[in-house]
Amino acid sequence: MYRLRIEADLTQVELARRMGTTQSAIARMENGGTRPTLETLERVAGAVGQELAVVVGTRLSENRSIAKMVRSGHAVVRNAS
């Protein structure tokens, strides 16, 4: 979330205002103090002018496009346990 905010050239206050929340809530999310819900991630994406993609599939980490997004910090691939 931090990276998205910085790339959008927003302060925590500006992002919070766009999302309809508080600066302290943004700080908690960026510091790992809370785990954002899918709804919150949708609001973050909209606030920074991006799209949110949620993908479920087999061997996603082998997909070149997804691997590139993971390397750049724009995606995370996790195995369900």
C-alpha atoms as a PDB file:
ATOM      1  CA  MET A   1       0.000   0.000   0.000  1.00  0.00           C
ATOM      2  CA  TYR A   2       2.866   2.340   0.801  1.00  0.00           C
ATOM      3  CA  ARG A   3       4.336   1.872  -2.668  1.00  0.00           C
ATOM      4  CA  LEU A   4       0.994   2.613  -4.345  1.00  0.00           C
ATOM      5  CA  ARG A   5       0.557   5.765  -2.286  1.00  0.00           C
ATOM      6  CA  ILE A   6       4.063   7.000  -3.028  1.00  0.00           C
ATOM      7  CA  GLU A   7       3.748   6.246  -6.750  1.00  0.00           C
ATOM      8  CA  ALA A   8       0.488   8.237  -6.767  1.00  0.00           C
ATOM      9  CA  ASP A   9       2.372  11.103  -5.077  1.00  0.00           C
ATOM     10  CA  LEU A  10      -0.061  11.202  -2.158  1.00  0.00           C
ATOM     11  CA  THR A  11       0.463  11.817   1.532  1.00  0.00           C
ATOM     12  CA  GLN A  12      -1.261   9.596   4.059  1.00  0.00           C
ATOM     13  CA  VAL A  13      -3.693  12.439   4.729  1.00  0.00           C
ATOM     14  CA  GLU A  14      -4.536  12.807   1.037  1.00  0.00           C
ATOM     15  CA  LEU A  15      -5.036   9.061   0.591  1.00  0.00           C
ATOM     16  CA  ALA A  16      -7.193   8.911   3.710  1.00  0.00           C
ATOM     17  CA  ARG A  17      -9.347  11.774   2.448  1.00  0.00           C
ATOM     18  CA  ARG A  18      -9.851  10.050  -0.919  1.00  0.00           C
ATOM     19  CA  MET A  19     -10.777   6.805   0.836  1.00  0.00           C
ATOM     20  CA  GLY A  20     -13.034   8.391   3.426  1.00  0.00           C
ATOM     21  CA  THR A  21     -10.937   7.240   6.362  1.00  0.00           C
ATOM     22  CA  THR A  22      -8.322   8.662   8.725  1.00  0.00           C
ATOM     23  CA  GLN A  23      -4.583   9.178   8.382  1.00  0.00           C
ATOM     24  CA  SER A  24      -4.016   6.924  11.380  1.00  0.00           C
ATOM     25  CA  ALA A  25      -5.907   4.085   9.659  1.00  0.00           C
ATOM     26  CA  ILE A  26      -3.631   4.471   6.615  1.00  0.00           C
ATOM     27  CA  ALA A  27      -0.548   4.447   8.851  1.00  0.00           C
ATOM     28  CA  ARG A  28      -1.717   1.257  10.591  1.00  0.00           C
ATOM     29  CA  MET A  29      -2.263  -0.500   7.260  1.00  0.00           C
ATOM     30  CA  GLU A  30       1.101   0.614   5.892  1.00  0.00           C
ATOM     31  CA  ASN A  31       2.887  -0.535   9.038  1.00  0.00           C
ATOM     32  CA  GLY A  32       1.178  -3.931   9.048  1.00  0.00           C
ATOM     33  CA  GLY A  33      -0.898  -3.176  12.130  1.00  0.00           C
ATOM     34  CA  THR A  34      -4.090  -4.212  10.348  1.00  0.00           C
ATOM     35  CA  ARG A  35      -4.890  -6.476   7.438  1.00  0.00           C
ATOM     36  CA  PRO A  36      -7.038  -4.661   4.884  1.00  0.00           C
ATOM     37  CA  THR A  37     -10.198  -6.329   3.616  1.00  0.00           C
ATOM     38  CA  LEU A  38     -10.893  -6.789  -0.068  1.00  0.00           C
ATOM     39  CA  GLU A  39     -13.292  -3.838   0.143  1.00  0.00           C
ATOM     40  CA  THR A  40     -10.536  -1.667   1.609  1.00  0.00           C
ATOM     41  CA  LEU A  41      -8.116  -2.733  -1.129  1.00  0.00           C
ATOM     42  CA  GLU A  42     -10.736  -1.755  -3.718  1.00  0.00           C
ATOM     43  CA  ARG A  43     -10.973   1.680  -2.115  1.00  0.00           C
ATOM     44  CA  VAL A  44      -7.175   2.022  -2.099  1.00  0.00           C
ATOM     45  CA  ALA A  45      -7.014   1.098  -5.784  1.00  0.00           C
ATOM     46  CA  GLY A  46      -9.683   3.638  -6.658  1.00  0.00           C
ATOM     47  CA  ALA A  47      -8.045   6.333  -4.561  1.00  0.00           C
ATOM     48  CA  VAL A  48      -4.713   5.943  -6.372  1.00  0.00           C
ATOM     49  CA  GLY A  49      -6.289   5.546  -9.815  1.00  0.00           C
ATOM     50  CA  GLN A  50      -5.414   1.874 -10.218  1.00  0.00           C
ATOM     51  CA  GLU A  51      -7.304  -1.370 -10.733  1.00  0.00           C
ATOM     52  CA  LEU A  52      -7.371  -4.258  -8.271  1.00  0.00           C
ATOM     53  CA  ALA A  53      -6.928  -7.804  -9.545  1.00  0.00           C
ATOM     54  CA  VAL A  54      -7.486 -10.915  -7.466  1.00  0.00           C
ATOM     55  CA  VAL A  55      -6.401 -14.108  -9.190  1.00  0.00           C
ATOM     56  CA  VAL A  56      -6.733 -17.728  -8.143  1.00  0.00           C
ATOM     57  CA  GLY A  57      -4.932 -20.291 -10.214  1.00  0.00           C
ATOM     58  CA  THR A  58      -2.302 -22.944 -10.585  1.00  0.00           C
ATOM     59  CA  ARG A  59       1.400 -22.097 -10.732  1.00  0.00           C
ATOM     60  CA  LEU A  60       0.819 -18.360 -10.845  1.00  0.00           C
ATOM     61  CA  SER A  61       4.396 -17.694  -9.777  1.00  0.00           C
ATOM     62  CA  GLU A  62       5.554 -19.254 -13.061  1.00  0.00           C
ATOM     63  CA  ASN A  63       3.545 -16.786 -15.166  1.00  0.00           C
ATOM     64  CA  ARG A  64       6.017 -14.233 -16.518  1.00  0.00           C
ATOM     65  CA  SER A  65       3.652 -11.266 -16.201  1.00  0.00           C
ATOM     66  CA  ILE A  66       2.749 -12.099 -12.629  1.00  0.00           C
ATOM     67  CA  ALA A  67       6.373 -12.848 -11.722  1.00  0.00           C
ATOM     68  CA  LYS A  68       7.349  -9.426 -13.077  1.00  0.00           C
ATOM     69  CA  MET A  69       4.648  -7.760 -10.941  1.00  0.00           C
ATOM     70  CA  VAL A  70       5.871  -9.683  -7.883  1.00  0.00           C
ATOM     71  CA  ARG A  71       9.472  -8.553  -8.491  1.00  0.00           C
ATOM     72  CA  SER A  72       8.354  -4.926  -8.802  1.00  0.00           C
ATOM     73  CA  GLY A  73       6.320  -5.169  -5.597  1.00  0.00           C
ATOM     74  CA  HIS A  74       2.938  -4.812  -7.296  1.00  0.00           C
ATOM     75  CA  ALA A  75       1.729  -8.369  -6.668  1.00  0.00           C
ATOM     76  CA  VAL A  76       1.996 -11.076  -4.067  1.00  0.00           C
ATOM     77  CA  VAL A  77       1.548 -14.774  -4.754  1.00  0.00           C
ATOM     78  CA  ARG A  78       0.592 -16.933  -1.787  1.00  0.00           C
ATOM     79  CA  ASN A  79      -0.300 -20.583  -1.546  1.00  0.00           C
ATOM     80  CA  ALA A  80      -3.491 -21.439   0.327  1.00  0.00           C
ATOM     81  CA  SER A  81      -2.864 -23.580   3.354  1.00  0.00           C
END
